[in-house]
Amino acid sequence: MPNLSDLDAFVAVAQARSFRAAATLRGVSASSLSEAIRRLEARVGVRLLNRTTRSVTPTEAGTQLLERLNPALSEIASALDALNNFRDSPSGTLKLNVPVIVAQKILPPIVNRFLAAHPGITLEVSASDTFIDVLAAGFDAGIRYDESIERDMIAIPIGPRSQRFVVAAAPAYIAKKGKPEHPRELIHHACIRHRFASGVIPGWEFERGGKLIKVTPKGPLIASTAAVSVGAAVAGIGLIYTFEEYVSSAIASGELVPVLGAWWQSFTGPLLYYPSRTHMPVPLRAFVDFIQSAGERARVEA
């Protein structure tokens, strides 16, 4: 029989389609995974992965093996995880994939309270705005906004129930260029835009009295990180359109001034989502219970 860890390594690489990506997710070296695959292929006498300098894909035999191994390894993991029921407190690792805004502005206080309540659990958080199949990528659950969650997932609220996109500018910029009073006036202003990892530069959306207006702004800066965008806005480079959480402190200090406040668009806050399965990993169950109990306390206090 092949070594179980070698089979697990094969599943990781086959799902990630990359030795490097699988190594990052598993916290091991790419060379150790490569050696595991070589041992496995030598043991079974069949090539399981096609490797090129740019891609890794399962062979026909590898695809069939992957389909059979996935449920089997999942059952083994569930059986081992069930041993948590015999411990005084749950233990294990919980892997979450979350948007950058959630990782930076929403998750930290939740993580701190959760880990204080569950010292036996290791929480691994990966922040990315790229939409991925979290399960195929090796995560237990993800956090996303409603429109990007598959309908076959279970989803529960986490963090604020409502958020807003806001527009702001430095006093020096407003003194020089004026303050727009309507979203359509933005086409005459310098705007700081955001580029997602996918390459998309989204337009700016505004809403008032049920009327939705979309604007495609122009400007001297396009950034993929909030720190660069906010810093440029504070420096007077242009108007910024972003999550309120990123600029609230700058607005409070007077470094930035709210713009078009009557048109700011609100949207539903983030959701923790995970697959419906009979044997939920104990660390995930503990996190779900923690989030739900925190939400219940908030409703009672309100």
Protein backbone atom coordinates (compact mmCIF):
# COMPACT_ATOMS: atom_id res chain seq x y z
CA MET A 1 0.00 0.00 0.00
CA PRO A 2 1.22 3.53 -0.77
CA ASN A 3 1.98 5.78 2.17
CA LEU A 4 -1.13 7.71 3.26
CA SER A 5 0.82 10.97 3.43
CA ASP A 6 1.93 10.48 -0.20
CA LEU A 7 -1.69 10.03 -1.24
CA ASP A 8 -2.59 13.19 0.64
CA ALA A 9 0.24 15.04 -1.12
CA PHE A 10 -1.09 13.86 -4.49
CA VAL A 11 -4.58 15.19 -3.69
CA ALA A 12 -3.14 18.55 -2.62
CA VAL A 13 -1.10 19.01 -5.80
CA ALA A 14 -3.80 17.67 -8.12
CA GLN A 15 -6.40 20.05 -6.68
CA ALA A 16 -4.13 23.09 -6.61
CA ARG A 17 -2.67 22.25 -10.07
CA SER A 18 0.62 23.54 -8.73
CA PHE A 19 3.38 22.20 -6.48
CA ARG A 20 4.13 25.70 -5.21
CA ALA A 21 0.50 26.54 -4.40
CA ALA A 22 -0.08 23.18 -2.72
CA ALA A 23 3.11 23.60 -0.69
CA THR A 24 1.98 27.04 0.50
CA LEU A 25 -1.41 25.70 1.57
CA ARG A 26 0.11 22.71 3.37
CA GLY A 27 2.96 24.63 4.95
CA VAL A 28 5.62 22.36 3.46
CA SER A 29 8.25 22.69 0.74
CA ALA A 30 7.44 22.12 -2.93
CA SER A 31 10.36 19.71 -3.14
CA SER A 32 8.89 17.49 -0.41
CA LEU A 33 5.61 17.27 -2.34
CA SER A 34 7.48 16.50 -5.54
CA GLU A 35 9.35 13.67 -3.82
CA ALA A 36 6.07 12.32 -2.40
CA ILE A 37 4.53 12.22 -5.87
CA ARG A 38 7.60 10.44 -7.27
CA ARG A 39 7.35 7.80 -4.50
CA LEU A 40 3.64 7.32 -5.14
CA GLU A 41 4.01 6.96 -8.92
CA ALA A 42 6.87 4.51 -8.43
CA ARG A 43 4.79 2.48 -6.00
CA VAL A 44 1.66 2.27 -8.17
CA GLY A 45 3.58 2.05 -11.46
CA VAL A 46 1.38 4.64 -13.20
CA ARG A 47 1.97 8.29 -14.06
CA LEU A 48 -0.54 10.38 -12.12
CA LEU A 49 0.42 13.96 -12.99
CA ASN A 50 1.49 15.65 -16.21
CA ARG A 51 4.10 18.27 -15.37
CA THR A 52 5.30 21.18 -17.48
CA THR A 53 7.13 24.35 -16.52
CA ARG A 54 3.79 26.18 -16.43
CA SER A 55 1.20 23.69 -15.26
CA VAL A 56 0.44 20.49 -13.40
CA THR A 57 -2.60 18.46 -14.46
CA PRO A 58 -3.80 14.97 -13.49
CA THR A 59 -3.52 12.21 -16.09
CA GLU A 60 -6.58 10.08 -16.80
CA ALA A 61 -5.40 7.65 -14.13
CA GLY A 62 -4.70 10.54 -11.76
CA THR A 63 -8.18 11.98 -12.30
CA GLN A 64 -9.82 8.65 -11.46
CA LEU A 65 -7.64 8.24 -8.38
CA LEU A 66 -8.44 11.78 -7.23
CA GLU A 67 -12.18 11.16 -7.53
CA ARG A 68 -11.90 8.04 -5.33
CA LEU A 69 -9.45 9.48 -2.82
CA ASN A 70 -11.28 12.71 -2.03
CA PRO A 71 -14.20 11.18 -0.12
CA ALA A 72 -11.95 8.55 1.47
CA LEU A 73 -9.44 11.08 2.83
CA SER A 74 -12.29 13.32 3.93
CA GLU A 75 -13.75 10.44 5.92
CA ILE A 76 -10.38 9.71 7.52
CA ALA A 77 -10.02 13.38 8.48
CA SER A 78 -13.52 13.35 9.96
CA ALA A 79 -12.77 10.21 11.95
CA LEU A 80 -9.62 11.74 13.42
CA ASP A 81 -11.37 15.03 14.02
CA ALA A 82 -14.10 13.22 15.97
CA LEU A 83 -11.50 12.51 18.64
CA ASN A 84 -11.90 16.16 19.59
CA ASN A 85 -15.08 15.13 21.36
CA PHE A 86 -12.95 13.38 23.98
CA ARG A 87 -10.86 16.45 24.75
CA ASP A 88 -11.68 19.16 27.28
CA SER A 89 -11.54 21.76 24.49
CA PRO A 90 -11.48 21.47 20.69
CA SER A 91 -8.19 21.45 18.85
CA GLY A 92 -6.98 21.39 15.27
CA THR A 93 -6.45 23.84 12.44
CA LEU A 94 -9.10 26.01 10.79
CA LYS A 95 -8.24 27.52 7.40
CA LEU A 96 -10.21 30.54 6.20
CA ASN A 97 -10.07 32.44 2.90
CA VAL A 98 -11.32 36.02 3.27
CA PRO A 99 -11.41 39.34 1.39
CA VAL A 100 -8.68 41.84 2.24
CA ILE A 101 -11.13 44.34 3.77
CA VAL A 102 -12.43 41.63 6.11
CA ALA A 103 -8.92 40.52 7.09
CA GLN A 104 -7.81 44.07 7.84
CA LYS A 105 -10.86 45.75 9.36
CA ILE A 106 -13.43 43.18 10.48
CA LEU A 107 -11.80 39.89 11.43
CA PRO A 108 -9.05 40.95 13.93
CA PRO A 109 -11.26 41.49 17.02
CA ILE A 110 -13.28 38.36 16.19
CA VAL A 111 -10.10 36.30 15.82
CA ASN A 112 -8.71 37.58 19.12
CA ARG A 113 -11.82 36.63 21.08
CA PHE A 114 -12.17 33.27 19.35
CA LEU A 115 -8.57 32.19 19.95
CA ALA A 116 -8.77 33.31 23.59
CA ALA A 117 -11.84 31.09 24.01
CA HIS A 118 -10.30 28.15 22.09
CA PRO A 119 -6.57 27.93 22.86
CA GLY A 120 -6.29 24.49 21.25
CA ILE A 121 -7.26 25.73 17.79
CA THR A 122 -4.83 27.15 15.23
CA LEU A 123 -6.47 29.62 12.87
CA GLU A 124 -4.92 30.18 9.43
CA VAL A 125 -6.27 33.20 7.53
CA SER A 126 -5.51 33.82 3.85
CA ALA A 127 -6.55 37.25 2.54
CA SER A 128 -7.40 37.55 -1.15
CA ASP A 129 -9.94 39.41 -3.28
CA THR A 130 -9.72 36.74 -5.99
CA PHE A 131 -12.76 34.47 -6.21
CA ILE A 132 -11.68 30.85 -5.77
CA ASP A 133 -13.14 27.46 -4.95
CA VAL A 134 -12.16 27.51 -1.28
CA LEU A 135 -12.68 23.79 -0.79
CA ALA A 136 -10.59 22.79 -3.79
CA ALA A 137 -7.90 25.18 -2.56
CA GLY A 138 -7.74 23.42 0.81
CA PHE A 139 -9.72 25.85 2.97
CA ASP A 140 -12.40 24.81 5.46
CA ALA A 141 -14.55 27.89 4.91
CA GLY A 142 -14.54 31.35 3.41
CA ILE A 143 -15.89 34.82 3.99
CA ARG A 144 -17.43 36.71 1.10
CA TYR A 145 -20.24 39.07 0.27
CA ASP A 146 -23.62 37.66 -0.69
CA GLU A 147 -23.43 38.09 -4.45
CA SER A 148 -20.31 35.94 -4.74
CA ILE A 149 -21.37 32.93 -2.64
CA GLU A 150 -22.45 29.69 -4.29
CA ARG A 151 -26.07 28.85 -3.49
CA ASP A 152 -25.26 25.33 -2.29
CA MET A 153 -23.25 26.73 0.63
CA ILE A 154 -24.43 27.44 4.16
CA ALA A 155 -23.86 31.11 4.99
CA ILE A 156 -24.13 33.00 8.28
CA PRO A 157 -23.53 36.69 9.03
CA ILE A 158 -20.17 37.71 10.44
CA GLY A 159 -19.15 41.26 11.36
CA PRO A 160 -21.26 44.35 10.58
CA ARG A 161 -24.65 43.78 8.98
CA SER A 162 -24.29 46.81 6.77
CA GLN A 163 -21.34 48.57 5.16
CA ARG A 164 -20.93 51.53 2.81
CA PHE A 165 -18.77 52.73 -0.03
CA VAL A 166 -17.87 56.35 0.62
CA VAL A 167 -16.20 59.18 -1.27
CA ALA A 168 -13.74 61.53 0.37
CA ALA A 169 -11.04 64.04 -0.50
CA ALA A 170 -8.43 66.12 1.28
CA PRO A 171 -9.35 69.70 2.22
CA ALA A 172 -6.50 70.92 -0.01
CA TYR A 173 -7.96 69.10 -3.03
CA ILE A 174 -11.43 70.54 -2.41
CA ALA A 175 -10.00 74.03 -1.98
CA LYS A 176 -8.26 73.71 -5.34
CA LYS A 177 -10.77 71.71 -7.43
CA GLY A 178 -14.07 72.26 -5.66
CA LYS A 179 -16.50 69.78 -4.16
CA PRO A 180 -18.76 67.79 -6.51
CA GLU A 181 -22.46 67.97 -5.65
CA HIS A 182 -23.65 65.19 -7.98
CA PRO A 183 -21.98 61.87 -8.97
CA ARG A 184 -21.91 62.85 -12.65
CA GLU A 185 -19.61 65.76 -11.78
CA LEU A 186 -16.90 63.22 -10.92
CA ILE A 187 -15.93 62.96 -14.58
CA HIS A 188 -14.36 66.41 -14.17
CA HIS A 189 -12.30 65.38 -11.13
CA ALA A 190 -9.13 63.42 -10.44
CA CYS A 191 -10.21 60.06 -9.01
CA ILE A 192 -8.16 57.39 -7.28
CA ARG A 193 -9.23 54.00 -8.59
CA HIS A 194 -8.83 50.43 -7.37
CA ARG A 195 -7.70 47.41 -9.38
CA PHE A 196 -8.67 43.93 -8.16
CA ALA A 197 -6.33 40.96 -8.47
CA SER A 198 -8.46 39.79 -11.40
CA GLY A 199 -7.44 42.94 -13.27
CA VAL A 200 -10.88 44.54 -13.06
CA ILE A 201 -11.11 48.25 -12.26
CA PRO A 202 -14.70 48.69 -11.06
CA GLY A 203 -16.83 51.73 -11.73
CA TRP A 204 -18.22 53.84 -8.90
CA GLU A 205 -21.86 53.29 -7.93
CA PHE A 206 -24.17 55.69 -6.12
CA GLU A 207 -27.76 55.46 -4.97
CA ARG A 208 -30.33 57.98 -3.78
CA GLY A 209 -34.08 57.66 -3.54
CA GLY A 210 -34.00 54.35 -5.37
CA LYS A 211 -32.04 55.88 -8.26
CA LEU A 212 -28.78 54.13 -9.13
CA ILE A 213 -25.98 55.96 -10.95
CA LYS A 214 -22.80 54.35 -12.23
CA VAL A 215 -19.75 56.44 -13.04
CA THR A 216 -16.55 55.45 -14.82
CA PRO A 217 -14.03 57.86 -13.28
CA LYS A 218 -10.59 58.86 -14.50
CA GLY A 219 -7.55 59.89 -12.55
CA PRO A 220 -3.81 59.84 -11.98
CA LEU A 221 -3.62 56.77 -9.73
CA ILE A 222 -4.76 53.14 -9.89
CA ALA A 223 -3.78 51.01 -6.88
CA SER A 224 -4.51 47.52 -5.61
CA THR A 225 -3.86 48.32 -1.94
CA ALA A 226 -5.94 50.57 0.28
CA ALA A 227 -2.90 52.03 2.06
CA VAL A 228 -1.58 53.53 -1.18
CA SER A 229 -4.99 54.87 -2.19
CA VAL A 230 -5.80 56.41 1.18
CA GLY A 231 -2.33 57.93 1.45
CA ALA A 232 -2.73 59.54 -1.97
CA ALA A 233 -6.15 60.90 -1.06
CA VAL A 234 -4.80 62.44 2.15
CA ALA A 235 -1.98 63.98 0.11
CA GLY A 236 -4.55 65.72 -2.11
CA ILE A 237 -3.99 63.65 -5.26
CA GLY A 238 -7.70 63.11 -5.83
CA LEU A 239 -11.03 61.74 -4.64
CA ILE A 240 -11.14 58.22 -3.19
CA TYR A 241 -14.06 55.78 -3.36
CA THR A 242 -13.67 52.90 -0.93
CA PHE A 243 -15.00 50.99 2.08
CA GLU A 244 -15.91 53.40 4.86
CA GLU A 245 -13.69 51.44 7.27
CA TYR A 246 -10.58 52.43 5.33
CA VAL A 247 -11.14 56.19 5.65
CA SER A 248 -13.21 56.62 8.82
CA SER A 249 -10.22 57.60 10.97
CA ALA A 250 -8.93 60.07 8.34
CA ILE A 251 -12.40 61.64 8.13
CA ALA A 252 -12.61 61.84 11.94
CA SER A 253 -9.22 63.58 12.09
CA GLY A 254 -10.08 66.03 9.32
CA GLU A 255 -7.44 64.71 6.94
CA LEU A 256 -10.26 63.79 4.57
CA VAL A 257 -13.65 65.42 3.99
CA PRO A 258 -16.78 63.40 3.09
CA VAL A 259 -18.06 63.99 -0.43
CA LEU A 260 -21.48 63.15 -1.94
CA GLY A 261 -22.67 61.72 1.39
CA ALA A 262 -26.32 61.68 0.32
CA TRP A 263 -25.38 59.29 -2.50
CA TRP A 264 -23.30 56.77 -0.55
CA GLN A 265 -24.37 53.21 -1.31
CA SER A 266 -24.96 50.72 1.49
CA PHE A 267 -24.74 46.94 1.10
CA THR A 268 -25.11 43.84 3.21
CA GLY A 269 -22.13 42.90 5.36
CA PRO A 270 -19.97 39.78 4.87
CA LEU A 271 -20.99 36.17 5.39
CA LEU A 272 -19.06 33.14 6.64
CA TYR A 273 -19.81 30.27 4.27
CA TYR A 274 -19.03 26.57 4.32
CA PRO A 275 -20.34 23.38 2.69
CA SER A 276 -23.19 21.38 4.09
CA ARG A 277 -21.68 18.13 5.32
CA THR A 278 -22.53 15.53 7.93
CA HIS A 279 -19.17 15.58 9.69
CA MET A 280 -18.13 19.20 10.08
CA PRO A 281 -14.54 19.58 11.32
CA VAL A 282 -14.56 20.40 15.03
CA PRO A 283 -12.53 23.65 14.66
CA LEU A 284 -15.03 24.89 12.05
CA ARG A 285 -17.97 23.89 14.22
CA ALA A 286 -16.43 25.78 17.14
CA PHE A 287 -15.97 28.88 14.97
CA VAL A 288 -19.53 28.71 13.60
CA ASP A 289 -20.93 28.33 17.12
CA PHE A 290 -18.80 31.24 18.29
CA ILE A 291 -19.98 33.52 15.48
CA GLN A 292 -23.62 32.57 15.96
CA SER A 293 -23.47 33.08 19.75
CA ALA A 294 -21.77 36.47 19.26
CA GLY A 295 -24.52 37.47 16.83
CA GLU A 296 -27.20 36.39 19.28
CA ARG A 297 -25.59 38.42 22.08
CA ALA A 298 -25.48 41.46 19.82
CA ARG A 299 -29.19 41.13 19.04
CA VAL A 300 -30.07 40.79 22.74
CA GLU A 301 -27.95 43.82 23.67
CA ALA A 302 -29.54 45.83 20.88
